Amino acid sequence: MSTDDKASTIFNDTFVRPVSFYVSGLSNIPHVQYYYVFLSFIYTVTVVGNVFLLLVIYLVKTLHTPKYMIVFNLALTDLCGSTALIPKVLDTFLFDRREIVYEACLSYMFFVVFFGGVQSVTLVALAFDRFIAICFPLRYHSIVTKPTVALSLLFMWLFVLSILAATVGLIDRLSFCGSLVIQSFFCDHGPVYHLACNDTSLNDIMALSVVLAIVFMPLILIALTYVCIGIALSRIASGVERLKALKTCASHLILVAIFFLPVLGTNIAIWTSYIHPNARIINSTLTHTIPSLLNPIIYSLQTEEVLKSIRKLCKNNRLCNITPSRKVTSISHKKNEFIPDF
């Protein structure tokens, strides 16, 4: 088999599908391996934090509410998204396995962007929950029910799944007859399809549609809900009640800022000016990893319900550890009562 046959699969002498791509990553940076070690630390804390939050929500029955169904979904997507991305990044750059098979590259791309998209729309669901709780408090339990939330989350997963399946699937119609070096830290959608040597106008449209659907539209919907929340709070006479309502939104607003601001900054910088590949890669890696790291910390430390649940779990575990020893002691005392003193 010739070198050309090994490098690509050719259909009808016009369609060229590569066997593999080469992921370039960061270039000309001394001691760059320490940055990837830092990412491994982020991943470890992300897994511990999100698994801990998932367990707390699962074990504490008082958290089995529609709101915490959404929080559970967010923690799950954070965990899955980080697992889809970071281990492969570490394998690629710490062990210098930068070549990735074509099919594996497309699968890698799909799962990373998919879980990022689900994170985005989940933040909309949390905003809707706060909107109903503050603007329609008396009707909250009749509107925000477990079946409603479950159906909403299912619809969100299917919506993101369909739009990203179409977007990634369109790459399969492209011909790659030039460079196969991806200027990114993973099989990123834009850097991959821009390597194609045939018409990519449809891919441009789909890329814009994805950005609108999972970045701008969620952000607009969240902004609209908070405008309505602001109007509702302005009608509350008591300053104490207004402050209490705002505190319930604080954690969510922090999550929105952490998730959307870096994404918007990166996309605006790419569209309006030149950004160095290294700067784009560092910003993109942190954008994909830091929100998943901070989300469980914010919801554990900023939400009173979760803090109470954690204290409750700790107290119950302490009692479980103490109770058996007390039982043993009491039994031994009872036995001693029946033992005659010789």
Protein backbone atom coordinates (compact mmCIF):
# COMPACT_ATOMS: atom_id res chain seq x y z
CA MET A 1 0.00 0.00 0.00
CA SER A 2 1.36 3.44 -0.99
CA THR A 3 1.95 6.32 1.43
CA ASP A 4 -1.05 8.20 -0.01
CA ASP A 5 -3.30 5.19 0.63
CA LYS A 6 -2.13 5.08 4.23
CA ALA A 7 -2.65 8.80 4.74
CA SER A 8 -6.22 8.92 3.52
CA THR A 9 -9.19 7.06 2.10
CA ILE A 10 -10.23 8.37 -1.33
CA PHE A 11 -13.66 8.10 -2.95
CA ASN A 12 -14.10 8.83 -6.68
CA ASP A 13 -10.76 10.70 -6.78
CA THR A 14 -12.42 13.82 -5.33
CA PHE A 15 -13.36 12.95 -1.75
CA VAL A 16 -10.48 12.58 0.72
CA ARG A 17 -11.10 11.33 4.23
CA PRO A 18 -8.00 11.31 6.46
CA VAL A 19 -7.06 8.29 8.50
CA SER A 20 -6.09 10.54 11.40
CA PHE A 21 -5.52 14.12 12.55
CA TYR A 22 -2.63 15.60 14.51
CA VAL A 23 -3.55 17.75 17.55
CA SER A 24 -0.95 20.52 17.89
CA GLY A 25 -1.79 21.88 21.36
CA LEU A 26 0.33 24.63 22.91
CA SER A 27 3.53 25.41 21.03
CA ASN A 28 6.90 26.90 22.00
CA ILE A 29 6.05 27.20 25.70
CA PRO A 30 8.74 25.94 28.10
CA HIS A 31 7.66 23.46 30.80
CA VAL A 32 4.22 23.21 29.23
CA GLN A 33 3.76 19.80 30.87
CA TYR A 34 3.11 21.58 34.19
CA TYR A 35 0.03 23.18 32.69
CA TYR A 36 -1.35 19.74 31.86
CA VAL A 37 -0.52 18.58 35.39
CA PHE A 38 -2.55 21.58 36.58
CA LEU A 39 -5.45 20.37 34.40
CA SER A 40 -5.19 16.93 36.01
CA PHE A 41 -5.52 18.60 39.43
CA ILE A 42 -8.60 20.49 38.18
CA TYR A 43 -10.09 17.23 36.94
CA THR A 44 -9.50 15.46 40.27
CA VAL A 45 -11.19 18.25 42.26
CA THR A 46 -14.02 18.40 39.68
CA VAL A 47 -14.74 14.68 40.02
CA VAL A 48 -14.63 14.78 43.83
CA GLY A 49 -16.81 17.91 44.06
CA ASN A 50 -19.46 16.80 41.58
CA VAL A 51 -19.66 13.22 42.86
CA PHE A 52 -20.01 14.59 46.41
CA LEU A 53 -22.85 16.93 45.34
CA LEU A 54 -24.59 14.11 43.45
CA LEU A 55 -24.38 11.86 46.51
CA VAL A 56 -25.71 14.57 48.85
CA ILE A 57 -28.71 15.19 46.57
CA TYR A 58 -29.32 11.46 46.19
CA LEU A 59 -29.01 10.60 49.90
CA VAL A 60 -30.94 13.52 51.44
CA LYS A 61 -34.65 13.12 50.76
CA THR A 62 -35.42 16.78 51.48
CA LEU A 63 -33.39 17.62 48.35
CA HIS A 64 -35.59 15.40 46.15
CA THR A 65 -37.30 18.46 44.72
CA PRO A 66 -37.71 19.81 41.15
CA LYS A 67 -35.03 22.47 41.74
CA TYR A 68 -32.45 19.90 42.84
CA MET A 69 -33.34 17.65 39.93
CA ILE A 70 -31.94 20.47 37.79
CA VAL A 71 -28.91 20.88 40.06
CA PHE A 72 -28.34 17.11 39.87
CA ASN A 73 -28.49 17.33 36.07
CA LEU A 74 -25.94 20.18 36.09
CA ALA A 75 -23.53 18.25 38.32
CA LEU A 76 -23.92 15.16 36.14
CA THR A 77 -23.15 17.08 32.93
CA ASP A 78 -20.19 18.79 34.63
CA LEU A 79 -18.81 15.38 35.57
CA CYS A 80 -19.44 13.85 32.13
CA GLY A 81 -18.13 16.89 30.25
CA SER A 82 -14.86 16.98 32.21
CA THR A 83 -14.45 13.21 31.83
CA ALA A 84 -15.03 13.46 28.07
CA LEU A 85 -12.35 16.14 27.73
CA ILE A 86 -9.55 16.17 30.30
CA PRO A 87 -8.36 12.52 30.44
CA LYS A 88 -7.92 12.51 26.66
CA VAL A 89 -6.10 15.88 26.78
CA LEU A 90 -3.71 14.47 29.40
CA ASP A 91 -3.17 11.31 27.35
CA THR A 92 -2.53 13.40 24.22
CA PHE A 93 0.03 15.81 25.63
CA LEU A 94 1.58 14.24 28.72
CA PHE A 95 2.23 10.97 26.87
CA ASP A 96 2.72 12.62 23.46
CA ARG A 97 -0.05 10.72 21.64
CA ARG A 98 -1.13 13.58 19.42
CA GLU A 99 -2.34 11.56 16.49
CA ILE A 100 -6.04 10.75 16.68
CA VAL A 101 -8.05 8.53 14.32
CA TYR A 102 -10.64 10.36 12.17
CA GLU A 103 -13.71 8.60 13.62
CA ALA A 104 -12.41 8.96 17.19
CA CYS A 105 -11.82 12.67 16.54
CA LEU A 106 -15.44 13.24 15.52
CA SER A 107 -16.74 11.27 18.53
CA TYR A 108 -14.42 13.24 20.82
CA MET A 109 -15.68 16.51 19.34
CA PHE A 110 -19.33 15.53 19.71
CA PHE A 111 -19.21 14.51 23.38
CA VAL A 112 -17.18 17.53 24.53
CA VAL A 113 -19.44 20.06 22.80
CA PHE A 114 -22.60 18.09 23.65
CA PHE A 115 -22.04 18.18 27.43
CA GLY A 116 -21.05 21.85 27.20
CA GLY A 117 -24.35 22.54 25.42
CA VAL A 118 -26.34 20.64 28.05
CA GLN A 119 -24.62 22.70 30.78
CA SER A 120 -25.72 25.86 29.01
CA VAL A 121 -29.40 24.93 28.68
CA THR A 122 -29.47 23.58 32.25
CA LEU A 123 -28.59 27.07 33.47
CA VAL A 124 -31.71 28.27 31.63
CA ALA A 125 -33.78 25.70 33.54
CA LEU A 126 -32.36 27.01 36.84
CA ALA A 127 -33.21 30.57 35.78
CA PHE A 128 -36.78 29.50 34.99
CA ASP A 129 -37.02 27.89 38.44
CA ARG A 130 -35.95 31.16 40.13
CA PHE A 131 -38.33 33.15 37.88
CA ILE A 132 -41.37 31.10 38.92
CA ALA A 133 -40.31 31.05 42.60
CA ILE A 134 -40.06 34.86 42.80
CA CYS A 135 -42.65 36.06 40.30
CA PHE A 136 -45.34 33.41 40.99
CA PRO A 137 -44.57 32.11 44.50
CA LEU A 138 -48.11 30.90 45.22
CA ARG A 139 -48.22 28.85 42.02
CA TYR A 140 -44.63 27.55 42.24
CA HIS A 141 -45.47 24.01 43.41
CA SER A 142 -48.21 23.62 40.81
CA ILE A 143 -46.02 24.82 37.90
CA VAL A 144 -42.58 23.47 38.81
CA THR A 145 -43.32 19.78 39.38
CA LYS A 146 -41.08 16.74 39.06
CA PRO A 147 -42.75 15.49 35.83
CA THR A 148 -42.51 18.98 34.28
CA VAL A 149 -38.82 19.31 35.16
CA ALA A 150 -38.06 15.75 33.97
CA LEU A 151 -39.74 16.39 30.60
CA SER A 152 -37.98 19.77 30.26
CA LEU A 153 -34.57 18.22 30.93
CA LEU A 154 -35.28 15.37 28.50
CA PHE A 155 -36.27 17.89 25.82
CA MET A 156 -33.06 19.87 26.43
CA TRP A 157 -30.87 16.77 26.09
CA LEU A 158 -32.64 15.76 22.87
CA PHE A 159 -32.47 19.29 21.46
CA VAL A 160 -28.71 19.59 22.05
CA LEU A 161 -28.20 16.01 20.84
CA SER A 162 -29.99 16.64 17.53
CA ILE A 163 -28.34 19.95 16.67
CA LEU A 164 -24.84 18.68 17.51
CA ALA A 165 -25.33 15.34 15.73
CA ALA A 166 -26.20 17.30 12.58
CA THR A 167 -23.27 19.69 13.05
CA VAL A 168 -20.66 16.98 13.58
CA GLY A 169 -22.23 14.77 10.91
CA LEU A 170 -21.73 17.49 8.28
CA ILE A 171 -17.96 17.23 8.75
CA ASP A 172 -18.19 13.76 7.24
CA ARG A 173 -19.04 15.32 3.84
CA LEU A 174 -15.82 17.36 3.76
CA SER A 175 -12.64 16.52 1.90
CA PHE A 176 -9.28 16.93 3.69
CA CYS A 177 -6.53 17.15 1.13
CA GLY A 178 -4.17 19.62 2.84
CA SER A 179 -2.90 20.02 6.39
CA LEU A 180 -4.21 17.61 9.01
CA VAL A 181 -2.84 19.57 12.00
CA ILE A 182 -5.61 20.76 14.36
CA GLN A 183 -4.62 24.07 15.96
CA SER A 184 -6.28 23.31 19.27
CA PHE A 185 -6.00 21.11 22.36
CA PHE A 186 -8.72 18.70 21.24
CA CYS A 187 -10.80 17.96 18.12
CA ASP A 188 -12.46 21.35 18.24
CA HIS A 189 -15.21 21.89 15.67
CA GLY A 190 -13.96 25.13 14.06
CA PRO A 191 -10.27 24.19 13.73
CA VAL A 192 -11.25 20.79 12.26
CA TYR A 193 -13.67 21.84 9.52
CA HIS A 194 -11.49 24.80 8.53
CA LEU A 195 -8.87 22.24 7.42
CA ALA A 196 -11.18 21.03 4.64
CA CYS A 197 -10.35 21.93 1.04
CA ASN A 198 -13.90 21.94 -0.37
CA ASP A 199 -16.90 24.19 0.30
CA THR A 200 -17.55 24.67 4.04
CA SER A 201 -20.35 27.25 3.80
CA LEU A 202 -22.91 24.81 5.26
CA ASN A 203 -20.54 24.07 8.14
CA ASP A 204 -20.17 27.81 8.75
CA ILE A 205 -23.96 28.12 8.98
CA MET A 206 -24.22 25.17 11.39
CA ALA A 207 -21.37 26.49 13.54
CA LEU A 208 -23.15 29.84 13.82
CA SER A 209 -26.43 28.03 14.58
CA VAL A 210 -24.79 26.06 17.40
CA VAL A 211 -23.31 29.23 18.94
CA LEU A 212 -26.72 30.94 18.72
CA ALA A 213 -28.59 27.90 20.09
CA ILE A 214 -26.36 26.96 23.02
CA VAL A 215 -24.66 30.26 23.89
CA PHE A 216 -26.60 33.37 22.85
CA MET A 217 -30.19 32.10 23.12
CA PRO A 218 -29.72 30.65 26.63
CA LEU A 219 -28.01 33.87 27.72
CA ILE A 220 -30.85 36.00 26.28
CA LEU A 221 -33.48 33.82 28.00
CA ILE A 222 -31.62 34.05 31.32
CA ALA A 223 -31.34 37.84 30.94
CA LEU A 224 -35.09 38.10 30.25
CA THR A 225 -35.96 36.03 33.32
CA TYR A 226 -33.81 38.29 35.50
CA VAL A 227 -35.42 41.40 34.02
CA CYS A 228 -38.78 39.95 35.09
CA ILE A 229 -37.33 39.03 38.48
CA GLY A 230 -35.99 42.58 38.88
CA ILE A 231 -39.43 44.06 38.07
CA ALA A 232 -41.09 41.69 40.56
CA LEU A 233 -38.56 42.56 43.29
CA SER A 234 -39.04 46.30 42.72
CA ARG A 235 -42.69 45.85 43.72
CA ILE A 236 -41.75 44.26 47.04
CA ALA A 237 -42.00 46.92 49.72
CA SER A 238 -39.85 45.21 52.35
CA GLY A 239 -36.09 45.52 51.83
CA VAL A 240 -35.47 42.41 53.93
CA GLU A 241 -37.72 40.28 51.71
CA ARG A 242 -36.08 41.72 48.60
CA LEU A 243 -32.62 40.84 49.92
CA LYS A 244 -33.77 37.33 50.84
CA ALA A 245 -35.10 36.80 47.30
CA LEU A 246 -31.86 38.08 45.78
CA LYS A 247 -29.81 35.65 47.90
CA THR A 248 -31.70 32.74 46.34
CA CYS A 249 -30.49 33.95 42.92
CA ALA A 250 -26.87 34.65 43.90
CA SER A 251 -25.51 31.13 43.29
CA HIS A 252 -27.19 30.90 39.90
CA LEU A 253 -25.91 34.32 38.79
CA ILE A 254 -22.36 33.31 39.74
CA LEU A 255 -22.70 30.10 37.69
CA VAL A 256 -23.99 32.07 34.69
CA ALA A 257 -21.11 34.54 34.87
CA ILE A 258 -18.48 31.79 35.22
CA PHE A 259 -19.88 29.80 32.30
CA PHE A 260 -20.91 32.43 29.75
CA LEU A 261 -18.43 35.31 30.13
CA PRO A 262 -15.31 33.30 29.07
CA VAL A 263 -17.23 31.68 26.17
CA LEU A 264 -18.47 35.07 24.94
CA GLY A 265 -15.02 36.61 25.36
CA THR A 266 -13.35 33.86 23.32
CA ASN A 267 -15.89 33.97 20.49
CA ILE A 268 -15.94 37.77 20.26
CA ALA A 269 -12.11 37.87 20.23
CA ILE A 270 -11.99 35.28 17.43
CA TRP A 271 -14.59 37.11 15.32
CA THR A 272 -13.32 40.68 15.80
CA SER A 273 -9.54 40.40 15.99
CA TYR A 274 -6.55 38.09 15.78
CA ILE A 275 -5.90 35.96 18.83
CA HIS A 276 -2.70 33.92 19.19
CA PRO A 277 -3.35 30.14 19.06
CA ASN A 278 -1.69 29.63 22.46
CA ALA A 279 -3.86 32.33 24.07
CA ARG A 280 -6.98 30.85 22.48
CA ILE A 281 -6.09 27.32 23.62
CA ILE A 282 -5.37 28.37 27.23
CA ASN A 283 -8.58 30.42 27.39
CA SER A 284 -10.56 27.59 25.81
CA THR A 285 -9.21 24.92 28.19
CA LEU A 286 -10.05 27.05 31.22
CA THR A 287 -13.49 27.85 29.77
CA HIS A 288 -14.21 24.12 29.42
CA THR A 289 -12.85 23.12 32.85
CA ILE A 290 -13.21 25.91 35.45
CA PRO A 291 -17.07 26.08 35.47
CA SER A 292 -17.30 22.33 36.12
CA LEU A 293 -14.80 22.75 38.95
CA LEU A 294 -16.58 25.69 40.61
CA ASN A 295 -20.25 24.71 40.14
CA PRO A 296 -20.39 22.12 42.98
CA ILE A 297 -18.32 24.38 45.26
CA ILE A 298 -20.69 27.30 44.69
CA TYR A 299 -23.78 25.17 45.25
CA SER A 300 -22.26 23.54 48.35
CA LEU A 301 -21.00 26.71 50.02
CA GLN A 302 -23.52 29.31 48.84
CA THR A 303 -26.78 27.36 49.19
CA GLU A 304 -28.15 27.04 52.74
CA GLU A 305 -30.25 23.95 51.88
CA VAL A 306 -27.21 22.00 50.70
CA LEU A 307 -25.12 23.10 53.70
CA LYS A 308 -27.85 21.93 56.08
CA SER A 309 -28.07 18.63 54.22
CA ILE A 310 -24.30 18.11 54.46
CA ARG A 311 -24.38 18.84 58.22
CA LYS A 312 -27.31 16.45 58.57
CA LEU A 313 -25.42 13.68 56.77
CA CYS A 314 -22.33 14.25 58.93
CA LYS A 315 -24.44 14.20 62.11
CA ASN A 316 -26.19 10.97 61.09
CA ASN A 317 -22.88 9.29 60.29
CA ARG A 318 -21.51 10.34 63.68
CA LEU A 319 -24.55 8.90 65.42
CA CYS A 320 -24.23 5.67 63.44
CA ASN A 321 -20.59 5.37 64.54
CA ILE A 322 -21.39 6.12 68.19
CA THR A 323 -24.59 4.09 68.61
CA PRO A 324 -23.09 0.57 68.19
CA SER A 325 -20.42 1.22 70.83
CA ARG A 326 -23.07 2.46 73.27
CA LYS A 327 -25.16 -0.65 72.64
CA VAL A 328 -22.16 -2.88 73.34
CA THR A 329 -21.42 -0.99 76.57
CA SER A 330 -25.02 -1.25 77.80
CA ILE A 331 -25.13 -4.98 77.04
CA SER A 332 -21.91 -5.60 78.96
CA HIS A 333 -23.32 -3.69 81.94
CA LYS A 334 -26.45 -5.82 81.86
CA LYS A 335 -24.34 -8.98 81.79
CA ASN A 336 -22.31 -7.74 84.73
CA GLU A 337 -25.51 -7.36 86.75
CA PHE A 338 -26.10 -11.11 86.51
CA ILE A 339 -22.52 -12.18 87.22
CA PRO A 340 -22.11 -13.09 90.90
CA ASP A 341 -19.20 -11.56 92.77
CA PHE A 342 -17.04 -14.35 94.11
